[in-house]
């Protein structure tokens, strides 16, 4: 964490307030590797998981690839993309920024970092619009101001930007037929009435033609 001490505020001649402070960084836990798993493509109406993982330097040599996830968002396996390295601190914060997605959970998420274990953040995203959508994860550490821990992340360690292509849902053949019927309900109804009238006329003519020989024989 950052230690912010000796905060002083002075009023400037223009009326603005200027704040100054001494900022020192807490001792970090060493270097860690950032790995990010996210879907490059997904359809509208479905959800996917984004996972951020920090691996302590001691574990980097022993890492092995994992299998790709299927559609189920809560599967334990993910395909990771290397996102760089970062200094590890006892307490770290990650927040996912996504404008055209419903994100769960929202806001900054804190994790306690153990130098011998992986640290993981998970988010479930559901798109609200099709097309190429930009997302970003902000990785930061909290601050202590005059000995009091602040809720604001004042030291951003890393910004991870990536994009997801959201595909519009294609209607099924049955849905297209139903939509077409609804859109053309008026002309279809007129055609049905015309066809019904034609069938009634044909049936009446057949009955009439059958009745003529019977009348002739009676005479």
C-alpha atoms as a PDB file:
ATOM      1  CA  UNK A   1       0.000   0.000   0.000  1.00  0.00           C
ATOM      2  CA  UNK A   2       0.985   3.637  -0.322  1.00  0.00           C
ATOM      3  CA  UNK A   3       1.684   5.639   2.805  1.00  0.00           C
ATOM      4  CA  UNK A   4       0.535   9.238   2.401  1.00  0.00           C
ATOM      5  CA  UNK A   5       1.711  11.474   5.238  1.00  0.00           C
ATOM      6  CA  UNK A   6       1.947  15.148   6.150  1.00  0.00           C
ATOM      7  CA  UNK A   7      -1.040  16.185   4.066  1.00  0.00           C
ATOM      8  CA  UNK A   8      -1.217  19.966   3.931  1.00  0.00           C
ATOM      9  CA  UNK A   9      -3.750  22.215   2.246  1.00  0.00           C
ATOM     10  CA  UNK A  10      -3.050  25.829   1.312  1.00  0.00           C
ATOM     11  CA  UNK A  11      -5.333  28.371  -0.366  1.00  0.00           C
ATOM     12  CA  UNK A  12      -3.933  29.866  -3.552  1.00  0.00           C
ATOM     13  CA  UNK A  13      -4.357  33.511  -4.616  1.00  0.00           C
ATOM     14  CA  UNK A  14      -6.966  32.431  -7.203  1.00  0.00           C
ATOM     15  CA  UNK A  15      -9.042  30.795  -4.465  1.00  0.00           C
ATOM     16  CA  UNK A  16      -8.189  27.174  -5.303  1.00  0.00           C
ATOM     17  CA  UNK A  17      -6.979  24.751  -2.621  1.00  0.00           C
ATOM     18  CA  UNK A  18      -3.605  23.071  -3.170  1.00  0.00           C
ATOM     19  CA  UNK A  19      -2.917  19.826  -1.319  1.00  0.00           C
ATOM     20  CA  UNK A  20       0.599  18.462  -0.808  1.00  0.00           C
ATOM     21  CA  UNK A  21       1.776  15.272   0.883  1.00  0.00           C
ATOM     22  CA  UNK A  22       4.681  12.882   1.275  1.00  0.00           C
ATOM     23  CA  UNK A  23       4.018   9.591  -0.490  1.00  0.00           C
ATOM     24  CA  UNK A  24       6.013   6.447   0.130  1.00  0.00           C
ATOM     25  CA  UNK A  25       5.285   2.975  -1.182  1.00  0.00           C
ATOM     26  CA  UNK A  26       4.990  -0.007   1.100  1.00  0.00           C
ATOM     27  CA  UNK A  27       7.500  -2.794   0.549  1.00  0.00           C
ATOM     28  CA  UNK A  28       6.329  -5.036  -2.268  1.00  0.00           C
ATOM     29  CA  UNK A  29       6.300  -8.822  -2.203  1.00  0.00           C
ATOM     30  CA  UNK A  30       8.278  -9.291  -5.383  1.00  0.00           C
ATOM     31  CA  UNK A  31       7.455  -9.577  -9.055  1.00  0.00           C
ATOM     32  CA  UNK A  32       4.323 -11.311 -10.276  1.00  0.00           C
ATOM     33  CA  UNK A  33       3.005 -12.330 -13.691  1.00  0.00           C
ATOM     34  CA  UNK A  34      -0.352 -11.108 -14.986  1.00  0.00           C
ATOM     35  CA  UNK A  35      -2.484 -13.601 -16.912  1.00  0.00           C
ATOM     36  CA  UNK A  36      -5.874 -12.681 -18.334  1.00  0.00           C
ATOM     37  CA  UNK A  37      -8.573 -15.029 -19.661  1.00  0.00           C
ATOM     38  CA  UNK A  38     -11.466 -13.589 -21.668  1.00  0.00           C
ATOM     39  CA  UNK A  39     -13.627 -14.547 -24.669  1.00  0.00           C
ATOM     40  CA  UNK A  40     -12.565 -13.000 -27.957  1.00  0.00           C
ATOM     41  CA  UNK A  41     -16.090 -13.582 -29.312  1.00  0.00           C
ATOM     42  CA  UNK A  42     -19.487 -14.171 -27.689  1.00  0.00           C
ATOM     43  CA  UNK A  43     -23.152 -13.975 -28.763  1.00  0.00           C
ATOM     44  CA  UNK A  44     -25.799 -11.639 -27.446  1.00  0.00           C
ATOM     45  CA  UNK A  45     -27.991 -13.195 -24.769  1.00  0.00           C
ATOM     46  CA  UNK A  46     -25.221 -15.264 -23.173  1.00  0.00           C
ATOM     47  CA  UNK A  47     -22.749 -14.704 -20.335  1.00  0.00           C
ATOM     48  CA  UNK A  48     -19.030 -15.347 -20.080  1.00  0.00           C
ATOM     49  CA  UNK A  49     -16.396 -15.179 -17.359  1.00  0.00           C
ATOM     50  CA  UNK A  50     -13.357 -12.908 -17.357  1.00  0.00           C
ATOM     51  CA  UNK A  51     -10.568 -14.030 -15.044  1.00  0.00           C
ATOM     52  CA  UNK A  52      -7.491 -12.115 -13.923  1.00  0.00           C
ATOM     53  CA  UNK A  53      -4.721 -14.115 -12.285  1.00  0.00           C
ATOM     54  CA  UNK A  54      -1.529 -12.927 -10.583  1.00  0.00           C
ATOM     55  CA  UNK A  55       1.164 -15.582 -10.186  1.00  0.00           C
ATOM     56  CA  UNK A  56       4.074 -14.971  -7.787  1.00  0.00           C
ATOM     57  CA  UNK A  57       7.530 -15.183  -9.329  1.00  0.00           C
ATOM     58  CA  UNK A  58       8.260 -18.459  -7.511  1.00  0.00           C
ATOM     59  CA  UNK A  59       5.505 -20.173  -9.548  1.00  0.00           C
ATOM     60  CA  UNK A  60       6.290 -18.818 -13.009  1.00  0.00           C
ATOM     61  CA  UNK A  61       8.631 -21.656 -13.981  1.00  0.00           C
ATOM     62  CA  UNK A  62       6.131 -24.348 -13.003  1.00  0.00           C
ATOM     63  CA  UNK A  63       3.094 -23.010 -14.855  1.00  0.00           C
ATOM     64  CA  UNK A  64       1.426 -25.339 -17.405  1.00  0.00           C
ATOM     65  CA  UNK A  65      -1.229 -24.632 -20.075  1.00  0.00           C
ATOM     66  CA  UNK A  66      -4.868 -25.322 -19.272  1.00  0.00           C
ATOM     67  CA  UNK A  67      -7.793 -26.401 -21.453  1.00  0.00           C
ATOM     68  CA  UNK A  68     -10.162 -23.983 -23.147  1.00  0.00           C
ATOM     69  CA  UNK A  69     -13.513 -23.338 -21.473  1.00  0.00           C
ATOM     70  CA  UNK A  70     -16.822 -24.284 -23.113  1.00  0.00           C
ATOM     71  CA  UNK A  71     -19.943 -22.091 -23.055  1.00  0.00           C
ATOM     72  CA  UNK A  72     -20.628 -22.627 -19.357  1.00  0.00           C
ATOM     73  CA  UNK A  73     -19.299 -19.485 -17.624  1.00  0.00           C
ATOM     74  CA  UNK A  74     -18.295 -21.159 -14.360  1.00  0.00           C
ATOM     75  CA  UNK A  75     -15.997 -23.889 -15.675  1.00  0.00           C
ATOM     76  CA  UNK A  76     -12.697 -24.109 -13.748  1.00  0.00           C
ATOM     77  CA  UNK A  77     -10.413 -24.116 -16.829  1.00  0.00           C
ATOM     78  CA  UNK A  78      -9.393 -21.009 -18.772  1.00  0.00           C
ATOM     79  CA  UNK A  79      -7.040 -20.103 -21.591  1.00  0.00           C
ATOM     80  CA  UNK A  80      -4.808 -17.308 -20.353  1.00  0.00           C
ATOM     81  CA  UNK A  81      -3.093 -14.550 -22.290  1.00  0.00           C
ATOM     82  CA  UNK A  82       0.081 -13.038 -20.887  1.00  0.00           C
ATOM     83  CA  UNK A  83      -0.599  -9.506 -19.639  1.00  0.00           C
ATOM     84  CA  UNK A  84       2.861  -8.528 -18.427  1.00  0.00           C
ATOM     85  CA  UNK A  85       4.499  -8.375 -15.015  1.00  0.00           C
ATOM     86  CA  UNK A  86       3.683  -6.276 -11.984  1.00  0.00           C
ATOM     87  CA  UNK A  87       4.970  -5.685  -8.459  1.00  0.00           C
ATOM     88  CA  UNK A  88       2.933  -7.537  -5.837  1.00  0.00           C
ATOM     89  CA  UNK A  89       1.734  -5.858  -2.653  1.00  0.00           C
ATOM     90  CA  UNK A  90       0.034  -7.231   0.489  1.00  0.00           C
ATOM     91  CA  UNK A  91      -3.338  -5.819  -0.629  1.00  0.00           C
ATOM     92  CA  UNK A  92      -4.300  -5.290  -4.267  1.00  0.00           C
ATOM     93  CA  UNK A  93      -7.413  -4.019  -6.033  1.00  0.00           C
ATOM     94  CA  UNK A  94      -8.807  -4.900  -9.468  1.00  0.00           C
ATOM     95  CA  UNK A  95     -11.787  -3.301 -11.208  1.00  0.00           C
ATOM     96  CA  UNK A  96     -13.337  -4.202 -14.557  1.00  0.00           C
ATOM     97  CA  UNK A  97     -14.560  -1.274 -16.691  1.00  0.00           C
ATOM     98  CA  UNK A  98     -17.047  -2.245 -19.429  1.00  0.00           C
ATOM     99  CA  UNK A  99     -19.553   0.238 -20.874  1.00  0.00           C
ATOM    100  CA  UNK A 100     -21.807  -2.076 -22.886  1.00  0.00           C
ATOM    101  CA  UNK A 101     -21.905  -5.039 -20.527  1.00  0.00           C
ATOM    102  CA  UNK A 102     -23.719  -5.969 -17.357  1.00  0.00           C
ATOM    103  CA  UNK A 103     -20.884  -6.864 -14.972  1.00  0.00           C
ATOM    104  CA  UNK A 104     -21.074  -8.951 -11.795  1.00  0.00           C
ATOM    105  CA  UNK A 105     -19.636  -8.097  -9.354  1.00  0.00           C
ATOM    106  CA  UNK A 106     -19.218  -4.363  -9.885  1.00  0.00           C
ATOM    107  CA  UNK A 107     -16.765  -1.895  -8.396  1.00  0.00           C
ATOM    108  CA  UNK A 108     -13.229  -2.398  -7.060  1.00  0.00           C
ATOM    109  CA  UNK A 109     -12.493  -5.869  -5.664  1.00  0.00           C
ATOM    110  CA  UNK A 110      -9.796  -6.332  -3.024  1.00  0.00           C
ATOM    111  CA  UNK A 111      -7.610  -9.379  -2.596  1.00  0.00           C
ATOM    112  CA  UNK A 112      -5.030 -10.229   0.040  1.00  0.00           C
ATOM    113  CA  UNK A 113      -1.831 -11.342  -1.673  1.00  0.00           C
ATOM    114  CA  UNK A 114       0.143 -14.352  -0.496  1.00  0.00           C
ATOM    115  CA  UNK A 115       3.639 -14.450  -2.088  1.00  0.00           C
ATOM    116  CA  UNK A 116       3.320 -18.255  -2.403  1.00  0.00           C
ATOM    117  CA  UNK A 117      -0.136 -18.479  -3.964  1.00  0.00           C
ATOM    118  CA  UNK A 118      -1.993 -17.312  -7.042  1.00  0.00           C
ATOM    119  CA  UNK A 119      -4.481 -14.448  -6.685  1.00  0.00           C
ATOM    120  CA  UNK A 120      -7.618 -14.570  -8.837  1.00  0.00           C
ATOM    121  CA  UNK A 121     -10.418 -12.151  -9.722  1.00  0.00           C
ATOM    122  CA  UNK A 122     -13.532 -13.309 -11.628  1.00  0.00           C
ATOM    123  CA  UNK A 123     -16.223 -11.243 -13.377  1.00  0.00           C
ATOM    124  CA  UNK A 124     -19.338 -12.449 -15.186  1.00  0.00           C
ATOM    125  CA  UNK A 125     -20.196 -10.290 -18.212  1.00  0.00           C
ATOM    126  CA  UNK A 126     -23.412 -10.119 -20.261  1.00  0.00           C
ATOM    127  CA  UNK A 127     -23.390  -7.891 -23.379  1.00  0.00           C
ATOM    128  CA  UNK A 128     -26.023  -5.211 -23.910  1.00  0.00           C
ATOM    129  CA  UNK A 129     -25.064  -4.318 -27.505  1.00  0.00           C
ATOM    130  CA  UNK A 130     -23.522  -6.165 -30.478  1.00  0.00           C
ATOM    131  CA  UNK A 131     -20.247  -5.220 -32.155  1.00  0.00           C
ATOM    132  CA  UNK A 132     -16.647  -4.857 -31.041  1.00  0.00           C
ATOM    133  CA  UNK A 133     -16.662  -3.761 -27.390  1.00  0.00           C
ATOM    134  CA  UNK A 134     -13.666  -2.431 -25.469  1.00  0.00           C
ATOM    135  CA  UNK A 135     -13.032  -3.417 -21.850  1.00  0.00           C
ATOM    136  CA  UNK A 136     -10.286  -2.598 -19.368  1.00  0.00           C
ATOM    137  CA  UNK A 137      -9.098  -3.867 -16.008  1.00  0.00           C
ATOM    138  CA  UNK A 138      -7.458  -1.448 -13.603  1.00  0.00           C
ATOM    139  CA  UNK A 139      -5.007  -3.022 -11.170  1.00  0.00           C
ATOM    140  CA  UNK A 140      -4.090  -0.834  -8.198  1.00  0.00           C
ATOM    141  CA  UNK A 141      -3.122  -0.702  -4.534  1.00  0.00           C
ATOM    142  CA  UNK A 142      -4.965   1.237  -1.811  1.00  0.00           C
ATOM    143  CA  UNK A 143      -3.535   4.169   0.125  1.00  0.00           C
ATOM    144  CA  UNK A 144      -3.176   5.210   3.730  1.00  0.00           C
ATOM    145  CA  UNK A 145      -3.651   8.921   4.324  1.00  0.00           C
ATOM    146  CA  UNK A 146      -2.269  10.098   7.680  1.00  0.00           C
ATOM    147  CA  UNK A 147      -2.564   6.520   8.936  1.00  0.00           C
ATOM    148  CA  UNK A 148      -6.202   6.105   7.825  1.00  0.00           C
ATOM    149  CA  UNK A 149      -6.916   3.689   5.004  1.00  0.00           C
ATOM    150  CA  UNK A 150      -8.614   5.326   2.049  1.00  0.00           C
ATOM    151  CA  UNK A 151     -11.298   3.701  -0.108  1.00  0.00           C
ATOM    152  CA  UNK A 152      -9.774   5.359  -3.176  1.00  0.00           C
ATOM    153  CA  UNK A 153      -7.227   3.555  -5.323  1.00  0.00           C
ATOM    154  CA  UNK A 154      -4.548   6.212  -5.635  1.00  0.00           C
ATOM    155  CA  UNK A 155      -1.766   4.196  -7.263  1.00  0.00           C
ATOM    156  CA  UNK A 156      -2.699   2.451 -10.509  1.00  0.00           C
ATOM    157  CA  UNK A 157      -0.139  -0.241 -11.212  1.00  0.00           C
ATOM    158  CA  UNK A 158      -1.485  -1.497 -14.527  1.00  0.00           C
ATOM    159  CA  UNK A 159      -4.234  -0.876 -17.069  1.00  0.00           C
ATOM    160  CA  UNK A 160      -5.134  -3.955 -19.107  1.00  0.00           C
ATOM    161  CA  UNK A 161      -7.151  -3.183 -22.241  1.00  0.00           C
ATOM    162  CA  UNK A 162      -8.796  -5.795 -24.459  1.00  0.00           C
ATOM    163  CA  UNK A 163     -11.777  -6.211 -26.781  1.00  0.00           C
ATOM    164  CA  UNK A 164     -14.632  -8.689 -27.178  1.00  0.00           C
ATOM    165  CA  UNK A 165     -16.557  -9.151 -30.419  1.00  0.00           C
ATOM    166  CA  UNK A 166     -20.256  -9.485 -29.554  1.00  0.00           C
ATOM    167  CA  UNK A 167     -22.283 -11.254 -32.228  1.00  0.00           C
ATOM    168  CA  UNK A 168     -25.921 -10.399 -32.854  1.00  0.00           C
ATOM    169  CA  UNK A 169     -28.182 -13.410 -32.337  1.00  0.00           C
ATOM    170  CA  UNK A 170     -29.344 -14.899 -35.651  1.00  0.00           C
ATOM    171  CA  UNK A 171     -33.030 -15.907 -35.625  1.00  0.00           C
ATOM    172  CA  UNK A 172     -33.837 -19.568 -36.215  1.00  0.00           C
ATOM    173  CA  UNK A 173     -35.692 -20.630 -39.419  1.00  0.00           C
ATOM    174  CA  UNK A 174     -38.900 -21.150 -37.426  1.00  0.00           C
ATOM    175  CA  UNK A 175     -38.584 -17.678 -35.899  1.00  0.00           C
ATOM    176  CA  UNK A 176     -38.062 -16.137 -39.330  1.00  0.00           C
ATOM    177  CA  UNK A 177     -41.197 -17.898 -40.652  1.00  0.00           C
ATOM    178  CA  UNK A 178     -43.286 -16.715 -37.702  1.00  0.00           C
ATOM    179  CA  UNK A 179     -41.959 -13.151 -38.044  1.00  0.00           C
ATOM    180  CA  UNK A 180     -42.748 -13.200 -41.766  1.00  0.00           C
ATOM    181  CA  UNK A 181     -46.313 -14.410 -41.097  1.00  0.00           C
ATOM    182  CA  UNK A 182     -46.858 -11.684 -38.502  1.00  0.00           C
ATOM    183  CA  UNK A 183     -45.423  -9.009 -40.803  1.00  0.00           C
ATOM    184  CA  UNK A 184     -47.667 -10.111 -43.682  1.00  0.00           C
ATOM    185  CA  UNK A 185     -50.764 -11.016 -41.701  1.00  0.00           C
ATOM    186  CA  UNK A 186     -53.061  -8.672 -43.728  1.00  0.00           C
ATOM    187  CA  UNK A 187     -52.219  -9.943 -47.226  1.00  0.00           C
ATOM    188  CA  UNK A 188     -52.206 -13.543 -45.993  1.00  0.00           C
ATOM    189  CA  UNK A 189     -55.701 -13.132 -44.494  1.00  0.00           C
ATOM    190  CA  UNK A 190     -57.036 -11.656 -47.751  1.00  0.00           C
ATOM    191  CA  UNK A 191     -55.476 -14.533 -49.712  1.00  0.00           C
ATOM    192  CA  UNK A 192     -57.040 -17.097 -47.352  1.00  0.00           C
ATOM    193  CA  UNK A 193     -60.483 -15.502 -47.681  1.00  0.00           C
ATOM    194  CA  UNK A 194     -60.147 -15.476 -51.487  1.00  0.00           C
ATOM    195  CA  UNK A 195     -59.041 -19.105 -51.482  1.00  0.00           C
ATOM    196  CA  UNK A 196     -61.926 -20.083 -49.216  1.00  0.00           C
ATOM    197  CA  UNK A 197     -64.393 -18.317 -51.488  1.00  0.00           C
ATOM    198  CA  UNK A 198     -62.950 -20.106 -54.513  1.00  0.00           C
ATOM    199  CA  UNK A 199     -63.219 -23.503 -52.804  1.00  0.00           C
ATOM    200  CA  UNK A 200     -66.829 -22.821 -51.791  1.00  0.00           C
ATOM    201  CA  UNK A 201     -67.635 -21.849 -55.382  1.00  0.00           C
ATOM    202  CA  UNK A 202     -66.048 -25.024 -56.752  1.00  0.00           C
ATOM    203  CA  UNK A 203     -67.922 -27.157 -54.200  1.00  0.00           C
ATOM    204  CA  UNK A 204     -71.255 -25.486 -55.077  1.00  0.00           C
ATOM    205  CA  UNK A 205     -70.677 -26.033 -58.791  1.00  0.00           C
ATOM    206  CA  UNK A 206     -69.895 -29.734 -58.238  1.00  0.00           C
ATOM    207  CA  UNK A 207     -73.133 -30.136 -56.232  1.00  0.00           C
ATOM    208  CA  UNK A 208     -75.083 -28.344 -58.941  1.00  0.00           C
ATOM    209  CA  UNK A 209     -73.617 -30.498 -61.722  1.00  0.00           C
ATOM    210  CA  UNK A 210     -74.521 -33.682 -59.808  1.00  0.00           C
ATOM    211  CA  UNK A 211     -78.081 -32.507 -59.271  1.00  0.00           C
ATOM    212  CA  UNK A 212     -78.795 -31.837 -63.005  1.00  0.00           C
ATOM    213  CA  UNK A 213     -78.910 -35.543 -64.134  1.00  0.00           C
ATOM    214  CA  UNK A 214     -81.248 -36.395 -61.260  1.00  0.00           C
ATOM    215  CA  UNK A 215     -83.730 -33.695 -62.294  1.00  0.00           C
ATOM    216  CA  UNK A 216     -83.572 -34.796 -65.943  1.00  0.00           C
ATOM    217  CA  UNK A 217     -84.373 -38.475 -65.104  1.00  0.00           C
ATOM    218  CA  UNK A 218     -87.469 -37.504 -63.127  1.00  0.00           C
ATOM    219  CA  UNK A 219     -88.935 -35.859 -66.182  1.00  0.00           C
END
